[in-house]
Protein backbone atom coordinates (compact mmCIF):
# COMPACT_ATOMS: atom_id res chain seq x y z
CA MET A 1 -19.80 -93.36 -77.53
CA GLY A 2 -18.89 -90.22 -79.46
CA PHE A 3 -19.58 -91.80 -82.84
CA LYS A 4 -22.59 -93.23 -84.62
CA ASP A 5 -24.23 -96.52 -83.78
CA LEU A 6 -23.99 -98.41 -87.07
CA THR A 7 -27.18 -99.84 -88.52
CA PRO A 8 -28.12 -101.34 -91.90
CA ASN A 9 -29.81 -98.01 -92.65
CA ASN A 10 -26.94 -95.64 -91.84
CA TRP A 11 -23.68 -97.47 -92.55
CA ASP A 12 -23.07 -95.54 -95.77
CA ALA A 13 -23.95 -92.10 -94.39
CA PRO A 14 -21.28 -89.79 -92.96
CA ASP A 15 -20.68 -90.13 -89.25
CA PRO A 16 -22.17 -86.99 -87.66
CA VAL A 17 -18.89 -86.42 -85.81
CA SER A 18 -17.01 -86.32 -89.12
CA GLU A 19 -19.30 -83.55 -90.33
CA LEU A 20 -18.22 -81.23 -87.50
CA PHE A 21 -14.83 -80.45 -89.06
CA VAL A 22 -14.22 -77.36 -91.16
CA ARG A 23 -11.59 -75.97 -93.51
CA PRO A 24 -10.75 -72.49 -94.71
CA ASN A 25 -12.15 -71.33 -98.03
CA PRO A 26 -10.60 -68.21 -99.58
CA ILE A 27 -13.93 -67.04 -100.98
CA VAL A 28 -16.51 -67.70 -98.26
CA GLY A 29 -14.33 -68.16 -95.17
CA VAL A 30 -14.89 -71.41 -93.30
CA VAL A 31 -16.78 -74.35 -94.83
CA SER A 32 -17.64 -77.83 -93.61
CA MET A 33 -15.32 -80.60 -94.74
CA ASN A 34 -16.75 -83.50 -96.67
CA GLY A 35 -15.61 -87.00 -97.57
CA ASN A 36 -13.78 -85.76 -100.66
CA ASP A 37 -11.74 -83.35 -98.54
CA TRP A 38 -10.63 -86.16 -96.25
CA ALA A 39 -9.95 -88.49 -99.19
CA ARG A 40 -7.72 -85.90 -100.89
CA LEU A 41 -5.84 -85.28 -97.65
CA PHE A 42 -5.16 -88.93 -96.82
CA LEU A 43 -4.74 -90.26 -100.36
CA GLY A 44 -2.27 -87.49 -101.14
CA VAL A 45 0.29 -89.25 -98.91
CA GLU A 46 2.11 -92.05 -100.72
CA LEU A 47 5.27 -94.09 -100.46
CA SER A 48 7.74 -94.23 -103.34
CA ASP A 49 8.73 -97.31 -105.32
CA ARG A 50 11.96 -97.64 -103.36
CA VAL A 51 9.90 -98.83 -100.38
CA PRO A 52 9.18 -102.57 -100.73
CA GLN A 53 5.77 -103.41 -102.19
CA ASP A 54 4.67 -105.36 -99.10
CA ILE A 55 5.22 -102.27 -96.94
CA ARG A 56 3.45 -100.04 -99.46
CA ASP A 57 0.49 -102.44 -99.40
CA LEU A 58 0.31 -102.34 -95.60
CA PHE A 59 0.54 -98.55 -95.70
CA ALA A 60 -2.25 -98.37 -98.29
CA VAL A 61 -4.58 -100.40 -96.06
CA ALA A 62 -3.88 -98.16 -93.04
CA ARG A 63 -4.40 -95.05 -95.17
CA GLY A 64 -7.59 -96.45 -96.75
CA THR A 65 -9.00 -97.21 -93.32
CA MET A 66 -8.45 -93.56 -92.41
CA VAL A 67 -10.34 -92.41 -95.51
CA TYR A 68 -13.37 -94.43 -94.44
CA GLY A 69 -13.35 -92.67 -91.08
CA TRP A 70 -15.68 -90.21 -92.83
CA PHE A 71 -18.39 -92.86 -92.58
CA PHE A 72 -17.48 -94.36 -89.20
CA TYR A 73 -15.39 -92.01 -87.09
CA PRO A 74 -13.40 -94.66 -85.13
CA LEU A 75 -11.81 -95.81 -88.40
CA PHE A 76 -9.58 -92.72 -88.32
CA GLN A 77 -8.07 -94.07 -85.08
CA LEU A 78 -8.00 -97.67 -86.27
CA GLY A 79 -6.08 -96.59 -89.37
CA GLN A 80 -3.55 -94.79 -87.20
CA GLU A 81 -3.12 -97.86 -84.99
CA GLN A 82 -2.46 -99.92 -88.11
CA LEU A 83 0.04 -97.31 -89.23
CA PHE A 84 2.21 -98.06 -86.20
CA ARG A 85 2.15 -101.74 -87.09
CA VAL A 86 3.28 -100.73 -90.59
CA ALA A 87 6.22 -98.94 -88.95
CA GLU A 88 7.19 -102.17 -87.23
CA ALA A 89 6.94 -104.13 -90.50
CA ALA A 90 9.04 -101.49 -92.30
CA ALA A 91 11.71 -101.57 -89.59
CA ARG A 92 11.80 -105.37 -89.67
CA GLU A 93 11.99 -105.44 -93.47
CA ARG A 94 14.88 -102.96 -93.46
CA TYR A 95 16.57 -104.89 -90.63
CA HIS A 96 16.60 -108.00 -92.83
CA ALA A 97 17.74 -106.05 -95.91
CA LEU A 98 20.75 -104.79 -93.94
CA GLY A 99 21.73 -108.29 -92.83
CA GLY A 100 19.85 -108.75 -89.57
CA GLU A 101 19.64 -112.46 -88.88
CA ASP A 102 16.85 -112.85 -86.32
CA GLU A 103 13.80 -114.08 -88.25
CA GLN A 104 11.29 -112.19 -86.05
CA PRO A 105 13.18 -109.45 -84.22
CA ALA A 106 11.29 -107.40 -81.66
CA PHE A 107 10.42 -103.91 -82.81
CA TYR A 108 12.90 -102.53 -80.26
CA ASP A 109 15.69 -104.77 -81.57
CA SER A 110 14.98 -103.79 -85.18
CA VAL A 111 15.22 -100.12 -84.30
CA GLU A 112 18.45 -100.63 -82.33
CA TYR A 113 19.98 -102.48 -85.27
CA LEU A 114 18.87 -99.80 -87.74
CA VAL A 115 20.41 -97.07 -85.58
CA GLU A 116 23.67 -99.05 -85.32
CA HIS A 117 23.75 -99.48 -89.10
CA GLY A 118 22.86 -95.87 -89.93
CA ALA A 119 19.40 -96.49 -91.42
CA ILE A 120 17.90 -94.46 -88.56
CA ALA A 121 19.83 -91.41 -87.40
CA ALA A 122 20.61 -91.40 -83.68
CA GLU A 123 18.42 -88.31 -83.24
CA GLY A 124 15.54 -90.16 -84.92
CA LYS A 125 15.63 -93.10 -82.52
CA GLU A 126 13.29 -91.41 -80.05
CA ARG A 127 10.63 -90.99 -82.75
CA TRP A 128 10.82 -94.72 -83.58
CA GLU A 129 10.55 -95.54 -79.87
CA GLY A 130 7.38 -93.45 -79.87
CA PHE A 131 6.07 -95.48 -82.79
CA ARG A 132 6.73 -98.63 -80.75
CA TYR A 133 4.93 -97.17 -77.74
CA PHE A 134 1.86 -96.27 -79.83
CA ARG A 135 1.92 -99.65 -81.60
CA ASN A 136 1.75 -101.30 -78.17
CA ALA A 137 -1.00 -98.97 -76.95
CA GLY A 138 -3.11 -99.63 -80.04
CA SER A 139 -2.55 -103.38 -79.94
CA HIS A 140 -3.43 -103.73 -76.25
CA PRO A 141 -6.21 -101.20 -75.59
CA ARG A 142 -8.15 -100.85 -72.38
CA ARG A 143 -10.84 -98.78 -74.05
CA GLN A 144 -11.71 -97.45 -77.49
CA MET A 145 -9.55 -94.45 -78.34
CA VAL A 146 -10.89 -91.88 -80.78
CA MET A 147 -8.71 -89.07 -82.08
CA PRO A 148 -9.53 -86.25 -84.48
CA PRO A 149 -8.54 -86.83 -88.08
CA GLY A 150 -6.26 -83.78 -88.36
CA PRO A 151 -3.56 -85.14 -86.04
CA ILE A 152 -4.02 -88.57 -87.59
CA ALA A 153 -3.32 -87.08 -91.03
CA GLY A 154 -0.19 -85.55 -89.51
CA ALA A 155 0.86 -88.95 -88.19
CA LEU A 156 0.34 -90.42 -91.66
CA MET A 157 2.60 -87.78 -93.20
CA THR A 158 5.26 -88.27 -90.53
CA MET A 159 5.16 -92.02 -90.93
CA ALA A 160 5.55 -91.77 -94.69
CA GLU A 161 8.61 -89.54 -94.21
CA ARG A 162 10.18 -91.92 -91.67
CA ILE A 163 9.56 -95.02 -93.76
CA GLU A 164 10.94 -93.27 -96.85
CA ALA A 165 14.04 -92.33 -94.85
CA LEU A 166 14.66 -96.02 -94.05
CA TYR A 167 15.06 -96.63 -97.78
CA ALA A 168 16.82 -93.38 -98.72
CA ASP A 169 19.91 -95.19 -99.97
CA GLU A 170 18.03 -97.73 -102.10
């Protein structure tokens, strides 16, 4: 599997895969990362108050899931998959705020509308199409994906920036 088999006796112990990651230390060189390192990394990414509370709540759940990847490694990936659903919710919320009338627009339609109305720059459209692609891949998997937490932390930071940009004029 590539991650621990959960049991009543080990659910609250770090996943052995999580313990393989290291970080630089200016005094001793390289040291193993621990749960606090991952928590600081993920919890350091937040959305501002100009982003609607419902979207901030969805983002917090995705981010929190990533933090608990320390204990069960696949949760890093599951948190990232949820993050792409948060992107869809944020796009839909902004679509409605800008006057979009379709009650449940497709992710693609929300993005098109936001580009047309300047909430997403034309050069940023490709990134949002990537979010849609990864939302679909995570929502319709053929097998369990597992990605390392470093790139997932990068995705979290990118997503926060893109969602913030949707509400830059609020």
